[in-house]
Amino acid sequence: MLMPLPATLQRLLTEYESLLEQETSTAATVPSQRLRDLAYTLCVSTGEREITDALTTARSLLAAPPPPSRPSP
């Protein structure tokens, strides 16, 4: 599986959580298109089908130590 850049994954996660909180606090009955787009992108980026699984995977990936760098040839 391709791994998303940590900075990109962090940006997606932060924006999703912020927008979800905003829409929840305003009692939006239907998720915005942007929130649905972020959910889709997080799912694709993490290889998951459900947003709850994608959020868990994204948090795990961001918490994991970076892989060791490869020596130059």
N, C-alpha and C. Protein backbone atom coordinates (compact mmCIF):
# COMPACT_ATOMS: atom_id res chain seq x y z
N MET A 1 0.85 -1.18 0.00
CA MET A 1 0.00 0.00 0.00
C MET A 1 0.89 1.24 0.00
N LEU A 2 0.52 2.20 -0.80
CA LEU A 2 1.23 3.47 -0.79
C LEU A 2 0.92 4.20 0.51
N MET A 3 1.92 4.84 1.06
CA MET A 3 1.74 5.57 2.31
C MET A 3 1.62 7.07 2.00
N PRO A 4 0.58 7.70 2.53
CA PRO A 4 0.44 9.15 2.32
C PRO A 4 1.51 9.90 3.10
N LEU A 5 1.87 11.06 2.60
CA LEU A 5 2.81 11.89 3.34
C LEU A 5 2.19 12.26 4.68
N PRO A 6 2.95 12.18 5.75
CA PRO A 6 2.40 12.51 7.07
C PRO A 6 1.79 13.92 7.13
N ALA A 7 2.41 14.89 6.50
CA ALA A 7 1.88 16.26 6.52
C ALA A 7 0.52 16.33 5.82
N THR A 8 0.39 15.62 4.73
CA THR A 8 -0.89 15.59 4.00
C THR A 8 -1.96 14.88 4.81
N LEU A 9 -1.59 13.76 5.39
CA LEU A 9 -2.54 13.01 6.22
C LEU A 9 -2.98 13.84 7.42
N GLN A 10 -2.04 14.54 8.04
CA GLN A 10 -2.37 15.38 9.20
C GLN A 10 -3.32 16.50 8.79
N ARG A 11 -3.07 17.10 7.63
CA ARG A 11 -3.94 18.19 7.16
C ARG A 11 -5.36 17.68 6.91
N LEU A 12 -5.47 16.53 6.26
CA LEU A 12 -6.79 15.95 6.00
C LEU A 12 -7.52 15.62 7.30
N LEU A 13 -6.81 15.01 8.22
CA LEU A 13 -7.41 14.63 9.50
C LEU A 13 -7.86 15.85 10.29
N THR A 14 -7.01 16.86 10.35
CA THR A 14 -7.35 18.08 11.08
C THR A 14 -8.55 18.78 10.47
N GLU A 15 -8.56 18.89 9.14
CA GLU A 15 -9.67 19.57 8.47
C GLU A 15 -10.97 18.78 8.65
N TYR A 16 -10.89 17.45 8.53
CA TYR A 16 -12.09 16.63 8.70
C TYR A 16 -12.66 16.80 10.10
N GLU A 17 -11.81 16.66 11.11
CA GLU A 17 -12.28 16.76 12.50
C GLU A 17 -12.84 18.15 12.81
N SER A 18 -12.20 19.19 12.29
CA SER A 18 -12.67 20.56 12.51
C SER A 18 -14.03 20.78 11.86
N LEU A 19 -14.16 20.36 10.62
CA LEU A 19 -15.42 20.55 9.90
C LEU A 19 -16.54 19.70 10.51
N LEU A 20 -16.21 18.49 10.93
CA LEU A 20 -17.21 17.63 11.58
C LEU A 20 -17.71 18.28 12.87
N GLU A 21 -16.80 18.81 13.66
CA GLU A 21 -17.19 19.49 14.90
C GLU A 21 -18.07 20.70 14.61
N GLN A 22 -17.68 21.46 13.59
CA GLN A 22 -18.46 22.65 13.21
C GLN A 22 -19.87 22.26 12.77
N GLU A 23 -19.97 21.25 11.92
CA GLU A 23 -21.28 20.84 11.42
C GLU A 23 -22.12 20.20 12.51
N THR A 24 -21.49 19.50 13.43
CA THR A 24 -22.22 18.90 14.55
C THR A 24 -22.77 19.98 15.48
N SER A 25 -21.96 21.01 15.72
CA SER A 25 -22.40 22.07 16.64
C SER A 25 -23.51 22.93 16.05
N THR A 26 -23.61 22.97 14.73
CA THR A 26 -24.68 23.75 14.09
C THR A 26 -25.89 22.87 13.75
N ALA A 27 -25.83 21.62 14.17
CA ALA A 27 -26.92 20.67 13.95
C ALA A 27 -27.27 20.51 12.47
N ALA A 28 -26.23 20.48 11.63
CA ALA A 28 -26.45 20.25 10.20
C ALA A 28 -27.06 18.86 10.03
N THR A 29 -28.11 18.78 9.24
CA THR A 29 -28.80 17.50 9.05
C THR A 29 -28.16 16.65 7.96
N VAL A 30 -27.47 17.30 7.04
CA VAL A 30 -26.81 16.61 5.94
C VAL A 30 -25.35 17.06 5.91
N PRO A 31 -24.40 16.12 5.84
CA PRO A 31 -23.00 16.52 5.78
C PRO A 31 -22.73 17.36 4.52
N SER A 32 -21.85 18.32 4.66
CA SER A 32 -21.50 19.16 3.52
C SER A 32 -20.72 18.34 2.49
N GLN A 33 -20.68 18.86 1.28
CA GLN A 33 -19.91 18.20 0.22
C GLN A 33 -18.44 18.11 0.61
N ARG A 34 -17.91 19.16 1.23
CA ARG A 34 -16.50 19.16 1.63
C ARG A 34 -16.23 18.06 2.66
N LEU A 35 -17.13 17.88 3.61
CA LEU A 35 -16.94 16.83 4.61
C LEU A 35 -16.98 15.45 3.95
N ARG A 36 -17.89 15.26 3.01
CA ARG A 36 -17.95 13.98 2.29
C ARG A 36 -16.68 13.76 1.46
N ASP A 37 -16.18 14.83 0.84
CA ASP A 37 -14.94 14.72 0.06
C ASP A 37 -13.75 14.36 0.95
N LEU A 38 -13.67 14.98 2.13
CA LEU A 38 -12.59 14.67 3.06
C LEU A 38 -12.68 13.23 3.54
N ALA A 39 -13.89 12.77 3.83
CA ALA A 39 -14.08 11.38 4.27
C ALA A 39 -13.61 10.42 3.17
N TYR A 40 -14.00 10.69 1.94
CA TYR A 40 -13.60 9.85 0.81
C TYR A 40 -12.07 9.83 0.68
N THR A 41 -11.45 11.00 0.74
CA THR A 41 -10.00 11.10 0.57
C THR A 41 -9.27 10.40 1.70
N LEU A 42 -9.76 10.53 2.92
CA LEU A 42 -9.15 9.81 4.04
C LEU A 42 -9.27 8.30 3.85
N CYS A 43 -10.42 7.84 3.38
CA CYS A 43 -10.60 6.41 3.13
C CYS A 43 -9.63 5.92 2.06
N VAL A 44 -9.52 6.64 0.97
CA VAL A 44 -8.61 6.24 -0.11
C VAL A 44 -7.17 6.29 0.38
N SER A 45 -6.81 7.33 1.11
CA SER A 45 -5.43 7.51 1.58
C SER A 45 -5.00 6.43 2.56
N THR A 46 -5.94 5.88 3.31
CA THR A 46 -5.60 4.88 4.32
C THR A 46 -5.94 3.46 3.90
N GLY A 47 -6.60 3.30 2.76
CA GLY A 47 -6.98 1.97 2.29
C GLY A 47 -8.15 1.38 3.04
N GLU A 48 -8.97 2.23 3.61
CA GLU A 48 -10.14 1.77 4.37
C GLU A 48 -11.42 2.10 3.61
N ARG A 49 -12.51 1.43 3.98
CA ARG A 49 -13.81 1.67 3.33
C ARG A 49 -14.75 2.52 4.16
N GLU A 50 -14.54 2.55 5.47
CA GLU A 50 -15.41 3.29 6.38
C GLU A 50 -14.61 4.42 7.02
N ILE A 51 -15.25 5.57 7.21
CA ILE A 51 -14.54 6.72 7.76
C ILE A 51 -14.04 6.45 9.17
N THR A 52 -14.79 5.72 9.97
CA THR A 52 -14.31 5.43 11.34
C THR A 52 -13.01 4.63 11.30
N ASP A 53 -12.93 3.67 10.39
CA ASP A 53 -11.70 2.89 10.23
C ASP A 53 -10.58 3.76 9.67
N ALA A 54 -10.91 4.63 8.73
CA ALA A 54 -9.91 5.52 8.14
C ALA A 54 -9.33 6.47 9.19
N LEU A 55 -10.17 6.98 10.07
CA LEU A 55 -9.69 7.88 11.12
C LEU A 55 -8.76 7.14 12.08
N THR A 56 -9.12 5.92 12.44
CA THR A 56 -8.27 5.11 13.32
C THR A 56 -6.93 4.83 12.66
N THR A 57 -6.96 4.44 11.40
CA THR A 57 -5.73 4.14 10.67
C THR A 57 -4.87 5.39 10.51
N ALA A 58 -5.49 6.51 10.18
CA ALA A 58 -4.73 7.76 10.02
C ALA A 58 -4.04 8.14 11.33
N ARG A 59 -4.75 8.04 12.42
CA ARG A 59 -4.15 8.37 13.73
C ARG A 59 -3.00 7.41 14.05
N SER A 60 -3.17 6.14 13.73
CA SER A 60 -2.11 5.16 13.97
C SER A 60 -0.87 5.45 13.13
N LEU A 61 -1.11 5.77 11.86
CA LEU A 61 0.02 6.08 10.98
C LEU A 61 0.77 7.32 11.46
N LEU A 62 0.04 8.31 11.92
CA LEU A 62 0.68 9.55 12.38
C LEU A 62 1.40 9.34 13.71
N ALA A 63 0.96 8.40 14.52
CA ALA A 63 1.59 8.14 15.81
C ALA A 63 2.82 7.23 15.70
N ALA A 64 2.91 6.50 14.61
CA ALA A 64 4.02 5.55 14.42
C ALA A 64 5.32 6.30 14.15
N PRO A 65 6.43 5.75 14.62
CA PRO A 65 7.72 6.39 14.32
C PRO A 65 8.00 6.31 12.82
N PRO A 66 8.71 7.28 12.28
CA PRO A 66 9.01 7.24 10.85
C PRO A 66 9.91 6.05 10.53
N PRO A 67 9.76 5.48 9.33
CA PRO A 67 10.61 4.35 8.95
C PRO A 67 12.06 4.82 8.81
N PRO A 68 13.01 3.92 9.03
CA PRO A 68 14.41 4.31 8.89
C PRO A 68 14.71 4.70 7.44
N SER A 69 15.57 5.65 7.28
CA SER A 69 15.92 6.09 5.92
C SER A 69 16.85 5.05 5.29
N ARG A 70 16.74 4.95 3.98
CA ARG A 70 17.58 4.01 3.24
C ARG A 70 18.92 4.66 2.94
N PRO A 71 19.98 3.88 3.02
CA PRO A 71 21.30 4.45 2.67
C PRO A 71 21.36 4.74 1.17
N SER A 72 22.11 5.74 0.82
CA SER A 72 22.29 6.09 -0.59
C SER A 72 23.15 5.03 -1.27
N PRO A 73 22.86 4.73 -2.55
CA PRO A 73 23.67 3.73 -3.27
C PRO A 73 25.04 4.23 -3.60
